[in-house]
Amino acid sequence: MKKLSRRDFLKLTGASLGAMAFRRFEGIYPSGSYEFPEGDKLGRVSVTPYFYATEVKASPDYTAATVATLPEDTIVVWMREVVGTAHYSQSKRWVETPEGFVYYPHLQPVYNHVNIPMATLPEGKSGFWAEVTVPYVDLHPLSSSVSSPSFSYIMSLGQSPRLYYSQVIWIDGIKEEGGKTYYRFNEDLGHGYGYGDIFWADATAFRMITEAEVAPLSPDIDPALKKIVADVTYQTLSCYEGEREVFFCRMSSGAGDFNTPVGSLYTWWKTFSIHMSANTASDSGYDTAGVSWPTFISGAGVAIHSVFWHSDYGVKRSHGCINVTPDAAKWIFRWTSPHVSLDQSEIKMTWPDVGTEVSVVERKF
């Protein structure tokens, strides 16, 4: 495998266009040395625009005095959201922290919910799906080399790869070491469609997903009456049961040369998590593990899915997929057809059998 330079890697990750956000590696805390601040709700600096640290402003205005700078993966206390001036994006949302105001699109909303580890795998199961419930957790690779281009590059810098709040992964092993419990994260092709890399991570960072929380929503509604309308002009997504709108959210569709296809699409492939990677040798490539709740709506690999690398919904910024919040992605995953159980792990349909209609529309003025 070609060794990636920093310049190559920044191209590879592609300004968050469907992949990892820009990472200013010099600012990441050394493995195992982090402590998260106390707060009911926290924010993780997930975007460092133009390769510089995110600024904390004295007021919710990008022209205000800068009182501090925050490297990526800094965790701040999220006090409240306020309206201010738009910055590089269309958003006028800012987050007040004890230090000052941070532009909302730069922060991933996170919590620090520590879990009691399981001692053994569920009886009769080869593993389980789990969700990250802390701001981030370091990964310890089973091997000194890994196949994932992004993880490989991070390790070449002497850093530990990380998983972030809301990511979903497959766990297939548990061990005790040094008085701590660790889960084995396996990216084999049967659970996550990744490169086959294997890592260990602190088990307290993960919560096992239950069958009840992936149970279908509105199961009594005729599936033919369900429809999604995704508006790439206004960057909104609505779910309908007949004529009644039952769900609404902001989204981020494809940008530049990667426009989301317009027309009548259909859900046809669903899995709990996937490693999204494409064109890793080109300037437009991307490589991101643990993309949760993907609902694929076209044979070209376009999906509605969760993101953890930006919060700039309402702006086009993907590689063609439809980005929504983790909660929205999970709701859509459960509501659309076909239903996927934890035992199934995935469902793939083939034409002419298809699931829920997804009408991607573009307004013409």
Protein backbone atom coordinates (compact mmCIF):
# COMPACT_ATOMS: atom_id res chain seq x y z
CA MET A 1 0.00 0.00 0.00
CA LYS A 2 1.23 3.45 -0.86
CA LYS A 3 2.20 5.42 2.23
CA LEU A 4 0.05 8.52 2.58
CA SER A 5 1.60 11.91 3.19
CA ARG A 6 -0.25 14.42 5.33
CA ARG A 7 -1.29 16.19 2.12
CA ASP A 8 -2.54 12.92 0.65
CA PHE A 9 -4.49 12.14 3.78
CA LEU A 10 -6.19 15.52 3.88
CA LYS A 11 -7.23 14.94 0.28
CA LEU A 12 -8.35 11.45 1.19
CA THR A 13 -10.66 12.63 3.92
CA GLY A 14 -12.10 15.22 1.57
CA ALA A 15 -13.38 18.12 3.68
CA SER A 16 -16.02 15.88 5.31
CA LEU A 17 -17.59 15.06 1.96
CA GLY A 18 -18.98 11.74 3.10
CA ALA A 19 -15.95 10.80 5.16
CA MET A 20 -13.90 11.85 8.14
CA ALA A 21 -13.61 15.51 8.96
CA PHE A 22 -10.24 17.25 8.73
CA ARG A 23 -8.14 16.21 11.69
CA ARG A 24 -5.39 18.44 13.08
CA PHE A 25 -3.35 15.59 14.48
CA GLU A 26 -1.01 17.76 16.52
CA GLY A 27 -3.94 18.76 18.71
CA ILE A 28 -5.18 15.30 19.62
CA TYR A 29 -4.56 14.36 23.21
CA PRO A 30 -2.11 11.48 23.77
CA SER A 31 -3.76 8.08 24.12
CA GLY A 32 -5.22 7.38 27.55
CA SER A 33 -4.48 10.83 28.99
CA TYR A 34 -7.83 12.52 28.36
CA GLU A 35 -10.41 13.52 30.92
CA PHE A 36 -13.81 14.77 29.89
CA PRO A 37 -15.29 17.84 31.61
CA GLU A 38 -18.37 17.57 33.80
CA GLY A 39 -21.60 18.63 32.15
CA ASP A 40 -25.06 17.35 31.28
CA LYS A 41 -24.29 17.87 27.61
CA LEU A 42 -20.91 18.22 25.93
CA GLY A 43 -19.55 19.22 22.55
CA ARG A 44 -16.61 17.74 20.66
CA VAL A 45 -14.66 19.94 18.29
CA SER A 46 -15.18 17.91 15.11
CA VAL A 47 -14.16 20.46 12.48
CA THR A 48 -11.02 22.55 12.34
CA PRO A 49 -11.66 24.81 9.32
CA TYR A 50 -8.77 25.57 7.01
CA PHE A 51 -6.53 23.30 9.12
CA TYR A 52 -6.53 25.70 12.07
CA ALA A 53 -7.99 25.29 15.54
CA THR A 54 -11.61 26.24 16.14
CA GLU A 55 -11.97 29.63 17.75
CA VAL A 56 -13.89 30.50 20.89
CA LYS A 57 -15.43 33.96 20.53
CA ALA A 58 -16.37 36.55 23.16
CA SER A 59 -19.83 36.79 21.58
CA PRO A 60 -21.72 34.73 18.96
CA ASP A 61 -20.18 36.64 16.08
CA TYR A 62 -17.25 35.52 13.93
CA THR A 63 -15.88 39.09 14.00
CA ALA A 64 -15.83 39.14 17.83
CA ALA A 65 -12.61 38.84 19.81
CA THR A 66 -11.09 35.37 19.98
CA VAL A 67 -10.68 34.28 23.60
CA ALA A 68 -9.31 30.78 22.98
CA THR A 69 -8.54 28.27 20.25
CA LEU A 70 -9.50 24.61 20.41
CA PRO A 71 -7.81 21.78 18.51
CA GLU A 72 -9.93 18.98 17.14
CA ASP A 73 -11.30 16.49 19.70
CA THR A 74 -11.34 19.11 22.46
CA ILE A 75 -14.42 18.52 24.65
CA VAL A 76 -16.36 21.54 25.92
CA VAL A 77 -19.36 21.95 28.21
CA TRP A 78 -22.45 22.69 26.11
CA MET A 79 -24.42 25.29 28.07
CA ARG A 80 -27.01 26.46 25.55
CA GLU A 81 -27.57 27.28 21.89
CA VAL A 82 -27.94 30.91 20.81
CA VAL A 83 -28.55 32.79 17.59
CA GLY A 84 -25.65 34.83 16.24
CA THR A 85 -24.14 35.69 12.88
CA ALA A 86 -23.49 33.24 10.07
CA HIS A 87 -19.85 32.25 9.62
CA TYR A 88 -18.47 30.25 6.68
CA SER A 89 -21.75 28.29 6.57
CA GLN A 90 -25.38 29.44 6.38
CA SER A 91 -26.00 28.53 10.01
CA LYS A 92 -26.50 31.26 12.60
CA ARG A 93 -26.37 28.79 15.50
CA TRP A 94 -23.71 29.13 18.17
CA VAL A 95 -23.05 27.18 21.36
CA GLU A 96 -22.30 28.97 24.61
CA THR A 97 -19.58 27.34 26.69
CA PRO A 98 -17.98 28.47 29.98
CA GLU A 99 -15.09 29.90 27.91
CA GLY A 100 -17.21 31.70 25.30
CA PHE A 101 -19.07 30.94 22.08
CA VAL A 102 -18.27 28.25 19.51
CA TYR A 103 -19.80 28.09 16.04
CA TYR A 104 -22.34 25.24 16.08
CA PRO A 105 -21.24 23.48 12.86
CA HIS A 106 -17.80 22.95 14.44
CA LEU A 107 -19.18 20.89 17.35
CA GLN A 108 -20.53 17.36 17.55
CA PRO A 109 -23.16 17.17 20.34
CA VAL A 110 -21.96 14.39 22.67
CA TYR A 111 -22.55 12.90 26.11
CA ASN A 112 -20.33 11.00 28.49
CA HIS A 113 -22.34 7.94 29.47
CA VAL A 114 -20.00 5.33 30.93
CA ASN A 115 -21.24 1.73 30.87
CA ILE A 116 -20.83 -1.35 33.05
CA PRO A 117 -18.96 -3.83 30.83
CA MET A 118 -20.33 -7.26 29.99
CA ALA A 119 -18.26 -10.16 31.28
CA THR A 120 -19.06 -12.51 28.40
CA LEU A 121 -20.70 -12.38 24.99
CA PRO A 122 -24.49 -12.91 24.97
CA GLU A 123 -25.27 -16.60 25.26
CA GLY A 124 -25.42 -18.35 21.93
CA LYS A 125 -24.24 -15.26 20.03
CA SER A 126 -20.99 -14.72 18.13
CA GLY A 127 -21.01 -11.04 19.04
CA PHE A 128 -23.20 -7.96 19.32
CA TRP A 129 -23.71 -4.51 17.88
CA ALA A 130 -22.69 -1.69 20.19
CA GLU A 131 -22.89 2.10 20.21
CA VAL A 132 -20.22 4.50 21.46
CA THR A 133 -21.71 6.52 24.34
CA VAL A 134 -18.70 8.66 25.33
CA PRO A 135 -17.16 11.58 23.40
CA TYR A 136 -14.44 9.32 22.00
CA VAL A 137 -12.50 6.17 22.78
CA ASP A 138 -9.02 5.08 21.66
CA LEU A 139 -8.56 1.93 19.60
CA HIS A 140 -5.68 -0.46 20.20
CA PRO A 141 -4.95 -2.46 17.04
CA LEU A 142 -4.43 -6.19 17.25
CA SER A 143 -1.62 -5.86 14.71
CA SER A 144 1.13 -3.28 14.26
CA SER A 145 -0.25 -2.57 10.79
CA VAL A 146 -3.81 -2.13 9.59
CA SER A 147 -5.42 -2.05 6.15
CA SER A 148 -7.71 0.94 6.53
CA PRO A 149 -5.96 3.93 4.88
CA SER A 150 -7.21 6.45 7.43
CA PHE A 151 -6.40 4.32 10.49
CA SER A 152 -3.03 3.41 8.99
CA TYR A 153 -2.13 7.06 8.54
CA ILE A 154 -3.14 7.96 12.09
CA MET A 155 -0.98 5.14 13.45
CA SER A 156 1.97 6.27 11.31
CA LEU A 157 1.90 9.53 13.29
CA GLY A 158 2.15 7.67 16.58
CA GLN A 159 -1.49 8.36 17.41
CA SER A 160 -4.24 5.93 18.31
CA PRO A 161 -7.24 5.69 15.97
CA ARG A 162 -10.48 6.64 17.67
CA LEU A 163 -14.18 5.97 17.60
CA TYR A 164 -16.60 8.78 18.37
CA TYR A 165 -19.93 9.26 20.08
CA SER A 166 -22.83 7.60 18.21
CA GLN A 167 -20.72 5.28 16.06
CA VAL A 168 -21.96 1.69 15.88
CA ILE A 169 -19.57 -1.26 15.64
CA TRP A 170 -19.49 -5.07 15.85
CA ILE A 171 -18.05 -6.58 19.06
CA ASP A 172 -16.97 -10.23 18.97
CA GLY A 173 -14.65 -10.62 21.95
CA ILE A 174 -14.16 -9.61 25.59
CA LYS A 175 -11.01 -9.73 27.70
CA GLU A 176 -9.77 -8.57 31.10
CA GLU A 177 -6.36 -6.91 31.30
CA GLY A 178 -4.79 -4.76 33.99
CA GLY A 179 -8.03 -4.62 35.92
CA LYS A 180 -9.97 -3.28 32.93
CA THR A 181 -12.41 -4.87 30.50
CA TYR A 182 -11.85 -4.52 26.77
CA TYR A 183 -14.13 -5.26 23.82
CA ARG A 184 -12.84 -6.53 20.49
CA PHE A 185 -13.99 -4.39 17.54
CA ASN A 186 -13.92 -6.55 14.41
CA GLU A 187 -14.29 -4.92 11.00
CA ASP A 188 -14.59 -8.20 9.15
CA LEU A 189 -16.55 -8.26 5.91
CA GLY A 190 -19.53 -9.89 7.61
CA HIS A 191 -20.06 -7.15 10.17
CA GLY A 192 -19.32 -3.66 8.98
CA TYR A 193 -17.95 -4.30 5.49
CA GLY A 194 -14.61 -2.90 6.45
CA TYR A 195 -11.02 -3.87 5.78
CA GLY A 196 -10.97 -6.71 8.29
CA ASP A 197 -8.95 -4.79 10.89
CA ILE A 198 -9.32 -5.79 14.54
CA PHE A 199 -8.97 -3.49 17.56
CA TRP A 200 -9.44 -3.61 21.32
CA ALA A 201 -11.09 -0.72 23.17
CA ASP A 202 -12.21 0.19 26.69
CA ALA A 203 -15.51 -1.63 27.19
CA THR A 204 -17.02 1.12 29.35
CA ALA A 205 -17.34 3.29 26.23
CA PHE A 206 -19.89 0.99 24.57
CA ARG A 207 -23.55 0.13 25.08
CA MET A 208 -25.01 -3.03 23.57
CA ILE A 209 -27.87 -2.31 21.16
CA THR A 210 -31.06 -4.20 21.99
CA GLU A 211 -33.72 -5.67 19.75
CA ALA A 212 -36.35 -3.38 21.26
CA GLU A 213 -34.58 -0.23 20.10
CA VAL A 214 -34.38 -1.42 16.49
CA ALA A 215 -37.98 -2.63 16.37
CA PRO A 216 -39.93 -1.27 13.38
CA LEU A 217 -41.77 2.04 13.74
CA SER A 218 -45.41 2.26 12.58
CA PRO A 219 -45.51 -1.45 11.73
CA ASP A 220 -49.30 -1.33 11.33
CA ILE A 221 -49.09 1.21 8.50
CA ASP A 222 -49.24 -0.25 4.99
CA PRO A 223 -45.61 -0.02 3.77
CA ALA A 224 -46.90 1.28 0.44
CA LEU A 225 -48.20 4.40 2.23
CA LYS A 226 -44.77 5.30 3.57
CA LYS A 227 -42.70 7.75 1.56
CA ILE A 228 -39.64 9.93 2.12
CA VAL A 229 -39.24 13.29 0.39
CA ALA A 230 -35.68 14.65 0.40
CA ASP A 231 -35.43 18.21 -0.90
CA VAL A 232 -31.90 18.98 -2.10
CA THR A 233 -32.78 22.66 -2.67
CA TYR A 234 -33.93 23.37 0.88
CA GLN A 235 -31.90 20.52 2.42
CA THR A 236 -34.85 19.04 4.27
CA LEU A 237 -36.14 15.49 4.68
CA SER A 238 -39.73 14.55 5.49
CA CYS A 239 -41.34 11.16 6.12
CA TYR A 240 -45.00 10.66 5.19
CA GLU A 241 -47.62 8.08 6.03
CA GLY A 242 -50.12 8.77 3.32
CA GLU A 243 -50.62 12.54 3.31
CA ARG A 244 -49.50 12.98 6.93
CA GLU A 245 -45.97 14.14 7.67
CA VAL A 246 -44.70 12.11 10.63
CA PHE A 247 -41.02 13.12 10.70
CA PHE A 248 -38.91 16.09 9.62
CA CYS A 249 -35.21 16.94 9.82
CA ARG A 250 -32.50 18.98 8.16
CA MET A 251 -30.03 17.12 5.99
CA SER A 252 -26.82 17.54 4.00
CA SER A 253 -26.86 16.10 0.50
CA GLY A 254 -24.18 15.79 -2.17
CA ALA A 255 -22.03 18.78 -3.05
CA GLY A 256 -20.05 19.86 -6.11
CA ASP A 257 -19.48 16.98 -8.50
CA PHE A 258 -21.13 14.55 -6.10
CA ASN A 259 -24.77 15.60 -6.28
CA THR A 260 -27.34 13.25 -4.76
CA PRO A 261 -29.33 11.66 -7.62
CA VAL A 262 -32.75 13.26 -8.16
CA GLY A 263 -35.83 11.14 -8.79
CA SER A 264 -37.72 8.21 -7.32
CA LEU A 265 -35.34 5.95 -5.41
CA TYR A 266 -36.10 3.08 -3.05
CA THR A 267 -34.61 1.63 0.11
CA TRP A 268 -33.01 -1.70 -0.76
CA TRP A 269 -30.07 -2.35 1.60
CA LYS A 270 -29.87 -1.75 5.33
CA THR A 271 -27.21 -2.67 7.86
CA PHE A 272 -26.43 -1.32 11.31
CA SER A 273 -23.03 0.08 10.43
CA ILE A 274 -20.64 0.23 7.52
CA HIS A 275 -17.09 1.31 6.72
CA MET A 276 -17.53 3.82 3.91
CA SER A 277 -14.52 3.98 1.63
CA ALA A 278 -14.05 4.81 -2.04
CA ASN A 279 -11.44 6.14 -4.44
CA THR A 280 -8.81 6.14 -1.71
CA ALA A 281 -6.02 6.70 -4.24
CA SER A 282 -7.63 9.83 -5.69
CA ASP A 283 -8.13 13.42 -4.55
CA SER A 284 -11.86 12.75 -4.12
CA GLY A 285 -11.45 9.62 -2.00
CA TYR A 286 -12.69 9.01 1.52
CA ASP A 287 -12.34 6.39 4.24
CA THR A 288 -14.53 6.29 7.38
CA ALA A 289 -15.24 3.40 9.75
CA GLY A 290 -18.38 2.83 11.78
CA VAL A 291 -20.88 4.93 9.82
CA SER A 292 -24.08 4.09 11.66
CA TRP A 293 -27.65 3.41 10.56
CA PRO A 294 -27.10 3.46 6.76
CA THR A 295 -30.23 3.04 4.64
CA PHE A 296 -29.13 2.64 1.03
CA ILE A 297 -31.42 4.15 -1.58
CA SER A 298 -29.60 3.57 -4.87
CA GLY A 299 -27.41 0.95 -6.43
CA ALA A 300 -24.63 3.51 -6.76
CA GLY A 301 -23.99 3.40 -3.01
CA VAL A 302 -26.05 6.44 -1.99
CA ALA A 303 -27.43 6.13 1.54
CA ILE A 304 -29.21 8.07 4.22
CA HIS A 305 -26.87 7.75 7.19
CA SER A 306 -25.62 9.21 10.43
CA VAL A 307 -22.56 11.46 10.65
CA PHE A 308 -20.26 12.33 13.53
CA TRP A 309 -17.77 14.50 11.64
CA HIS A 310 -19.91 17.63 11.21
CA SER A 311 -23.10 19.30 12.47
CA ASP A 312 -23.65 21.53 9.45
CA TYR A 313 -27.05 20.18 8.41
CA GLY A 314 -28.89 22.31 5.90
CA VAL A 315 -25.80 22.68 3.70
CA LYS A 316 -24.67 20.46 0.82
CA ARG A 317 -21.46 18.74 1.85
CA SER A 318 -21.47 14.99 1.16
CA HIS A 319 -20.13 12.66 -1.53
CA GLY A 320 -23.70 12.03 -2.69
CA CYS A 321 -25.20 10.47 0.42
CA ILE A 322 -27.79 12.15 2.62
CA ASN A 323 -26.27 13.10 5.99
CA VAL A 324 -28.59 13.39 9.00
CA THR A 325 -28.12 13.34 12.77
CA PRO A 326 -27.59 9.97 14.48
CA ASP A 327 -31.06 10.10 16.04
CA ALA A 328 -32.67 10.93 12.69
CA ALA A 329 -30.73 8.20 10.87
CA LYS A 330 -31.81 5.64 13.45
CA TRP A 331 -35.46 6.72 13.22
CA ILE A 332 -35.43 6.48 9.41
CA PHE A 333 -33.66 3.11 9.63
CA ARG A 334 -36.42 1.73 11.85
CA TRP A 335 -39.34 3.30 9.97
CA THR A 336 -38.43 2.26 6.43
CA SER A 337 -38.86 -1.15 4.83
CA PRO A 338 -37.52 -3.74 5.06
CA HIS A 339 -37.03 -4.32 8.79
CA VAL A 340 -33.65 -5.60 9.95
CA SER A 341 -33.31 -7.60 13.18
CA LEU A 342 -30.10 -7.86 15.17
CA ASP A 343 -29.79 -11.51 14.19
CA GLN A 344 -30.01 -10.61 10.51
CA SER A 345 -27.42 -7.77 10.69
CA GLU A 346 -28.40 -6.68 7.17
CA ILE A 347 -31.10 -6.89 4.53
CA LYS A 348 -30.57 -6.61 0.79
CA MET A 349 -33.46 -6.50 -1.65
CA THR A 350 -33.27 -7.06 -5.39
CA TRP A 351 -35.43 -5.53 -8.08
CA PRO A 352 -38.36 -5.62 -8.62
CA ASP A 353 -38.69 -6.11 -4.86
CA VAL A 354 -37.91 -2.79 -3.17
CA GLY A 355 -38.69 -1.04 0.08
CA THR A 356 -39.80 2.48 0.92
CA GLU A 357 -39.94 5.10 -1.83
CA VAL A 358 -37.49 7.99 -1.45
CA SER A 359 -38.36 10.94 -3.69
CA VAL A 360 -35.33 13.19 -4.08
CA VAL A 361 -36.56 16.52 -5.41
CA GLU A 362 -34.85 19.67 -6.61
CA ARG A 363 -36.84 22.91 -6.72
CA LYS A 364 -36.56 24.99 -9.86
CA PHE A 365 -37.15 28.73 -9.62
